[in-house]
Amino acid sequence: MSDIDKTLADRGNRYGEFDEHARITQGIKDRMRDSKNWLMLPDDMKEALEMAAHKIGRILNGDPDYIDSWTDIIGYTRLVEKRLVAEQQNDNVFAFPTAAHDTAAAKTEECDCPVCLFRRELRSRA
């Protein structure tokens, strides 16, 4: 038995028959793509959801007690969560200026202090 065949046999024992896994996973993905928000999602959200669907398919078709499948779902969604938290924290920098920078100069972007310069740089990247 080749290394590839051994790997495929091991995966089949863990995750079940591939054709059934594919049927389950593609059904989940079809429903996701048919949703009203799918086309508006950025690529990282789409990919995280598709990878979660893949792992869910493995859970439903194979060994539901295999911890790595559950951990992988958490990991993919965590990557999106981390990006959203960082973006929303940056948004809060603009929405809630500190008292020291809540001045007319800062509001009109005439302030050249490091905080205001940083805020302008972040806004230019958005």
Protein backbone atom coordinates (compact mmCIF):
# COMPACT_ATOMS: atom_id res chain seq x y z
CA MET A 1 0.00 0.00 0.00
CA SER A 2 1.41 3.41 -0.97
CA ASP A 3 1.72 6.27 1.48
CA ILE A 4 -1.17 8.07 -0.24
CA ASP A 5 -3.39 4.98 -0.04
CA LYS A 6 -2.55 4.56 3.65
CA THR A 7 -3.40 8.22 4.30
CA LEU A 8 -6.68 7.86 2.41
CA ALA A 9 -7.56 4.70 4.36
CA ASP A 10 -6.77 6.42 7.67
CA ARG A 11 -8.87 9.45 6.72
CA GLY A 12 -11.71 7.22 5.56
CA ASN A 13 -11.70 5.48 8.93
CA ARG A 14 -11.77 8.84 10.72
CA TYR A 15 -14.12 10.86 8.47
CA GLY A 16 -16.19 8.24 6.65
CA GLU A 17 -16.55 7.67 2.92
CA PHE A 18 -15.49 10.69 0.89
CA ASP A 19 -18.47 10.68 -1.48
CA GLU A 20 -20.92 10.91 1.44
CA HIS A 21 -18.81 13.59 3.12
CA ALA A 22 -18.81 15.55 -0.15
CA ARG A 23 -22.60 15.23 -0.46
CA ILE A 24 -23.16 16.54 3.07
CA THR A 25 -20.60 19.35 2.79
CA GLN A 26 -21.75 20.53 -0.63
CA GLY A 27 -25.34 20.63 0.65
CA ILE A 28 -24.28 22.90 3.52
CA LYS A 29 -22.27 25.11 1.17
CA ASP A 30 -25.17 25.31 -1.29
CA ARG A 31 -27.43 26.65 1.48
CA MET A 32 -24.77 29.17 2.52
CA ARG A 33 -24.26 30.44 -1.03
CA ASP A 34 -28.03 30.76 -1.43
CA SER A 35 -28.31 33.14 1.53
CA LYS A 36 -29.00 36.86 1.11
CA ASN A 37 -25.65 37.94 2.62
CA TRP A 38 -23.27 35.53 0.87
CA LEU A 39 -22.24 37.82 -1.97
CA MET A 40 -21.58 40.70 0.43
CA LEU A 41 -19.18 38.73 2.65
CA PRO A 42 -15.45 39.34 2.34
CA ASP A 43 -13.30 36.40 1.26
CA ASP A 44 -12.06 35.56 4.76
CA MET A 45 -15.63 35.17 6.04
CA LYS A 46 -16.61 33.02 3.07
CA GLU A 47 -13.54 30.84 3.49
CA ALA A 48 -14.03 30.45 7.25
CA LEU A 49 -17.65 29.44 6.71
CA GLU A 50 -16.72 27.02 3.93
CA MET A 51 -14.00 25.45 6.05
CA ALA A 52 -16.45 25.16 8.96
CA ALA A 53 -18.89 23.45 6.56
CA HIS A 54 -16.11 21.06 5.55
CA LYS A 55 -15.38 20.21 9.19
CA ILE A 56 -19.10 19.88 9.98
CA GLY A 57 -19.40 17.46 7.07
CA ARG A 58 -16.58 15.39 8.56
CA ILE A 59 -18.26 15.41 11.98
CA LEU A 60 -21.63 14.37 10.54
CA ASN A 61 -20.15 11.66 8.31
CA GLY A 62 -17.34 10.36 10.50
CA ASP A 63 -16.11 10.47 14.07
CA PRO A 64 -18.05 13.18 15.94
CA ASP A 65 -15.74 12.78 18.96
CA TYR A 66 -12.61 13.75 17.06
CA ILE A 67 -11.58 16.91 18.89
CA ASP A 68 -9.47 18.33 16.05
CA SER A 69 -12.56 18.80 13.87
CA TRP A 70 -14.19 20.93 16.57
CA THR A 71 -10.95 22.82 17.23
CA ASP A 72 -10.55 23.60 13.52
CA ILE A 73 -14.03 25.15 13.40
CA ILE A 74 -13.13 27.35 16.35
CA GLY A 75 -9.83 28.31 14.69
CA TYR A 76 -11.32 29.41 11.38
CA THR A 77 -14.01 31.50 13.03
CA ARG A 78 -11.46 32.95 15.46
CA LEU A 79 -9.43 34.33 12.55
CA VAL A 80 -12.45 36.31 11.35
CA GLU A 81 -13.30 37.39 14.88
CA LYS A 82 -9.77 38.73 15.43
CA ARG A 83 -9.96 40.80 12.24
CA LEU A 84 -13.38 42.20 13.16
CA VAL A 85 -12.27 43.09 16.68
CA ALA A 86 -9.19 44.90 15.35
CA GLU A 87 -11.24 46.80 12.77
CA GLN A 88 -13.90 47.77 15.27
CA GLN A 89 -11.29 48.89 17.79
CA ASN A 90 -9.83 51.13 15.06
CA ASP A 91 -13.32 52.47 14.33
CA ASN A 92 -13.70 53.30 18.01
CA VAL A 93 -10.57 55.42 17.83
CA PHE A 94 -12.46 57.68 15.42
CA ALA A 95 -15.83 57.52 17.11
CA PHE A 96 -14.70 58.21 20.66
CA PRO A 97 -11.81 60.69 20.71
CA THR A 98 -10.11 61.28 24.02
CA ALA A 99 -10.77 64.54 25.80
CA ALA A 100 -7.24 65.70 24.99
CA HIS A 101 -7.95 65.36 21.28
CA ASP A 102 -11.56 66.42 21.18
CA THR A 103 -10.61 69.82 19.89
CA ALA A 104 -11.59 71.85 16.87
CA ALA A 105 -8.11 71.29 15.36
CA ALA A 106 -8.41 67.51 15.72
CA LYS A 107 -11.90 67.48 14.25
CA THR A 108 -10.78 69.45 11.20
CA GLU A 109 -7.63 67.32 10.83
CA GLU A 110 -5.32 70.24 11.50
CA CYS A 111 -3.82 68.64 14.61
CA ASP A 112 -0.42 67.05 13.99
CA CYS A 113 -0.03 65.20 17.28
CA PRO A 114 0.85 61.47 17.03
CA VAL A 115 -2.68 60.36 17.95
CA CYS A 116 -4.35 62.44 15.24
CA LEU A 117 -1.72 61.49 12.66
CA PHE A 118 -2.31 57.82 13.49
CA ARG A 119 -6.07 58.24 13.15
CA ARG A 120 -5.68 59.86 9.74
CA GLU A 121 -3.36 57.06 8.60
CA LEU A 122 -5.89 54.43 9.65
CA ARG A 123 -8.70 56.25 7.90
CA SER A 124 -6.68 56.47 4.69
CA ARG A 125 -6.24 52.67 4.71
CA ALA A 126 -9.97 51.99 5.08
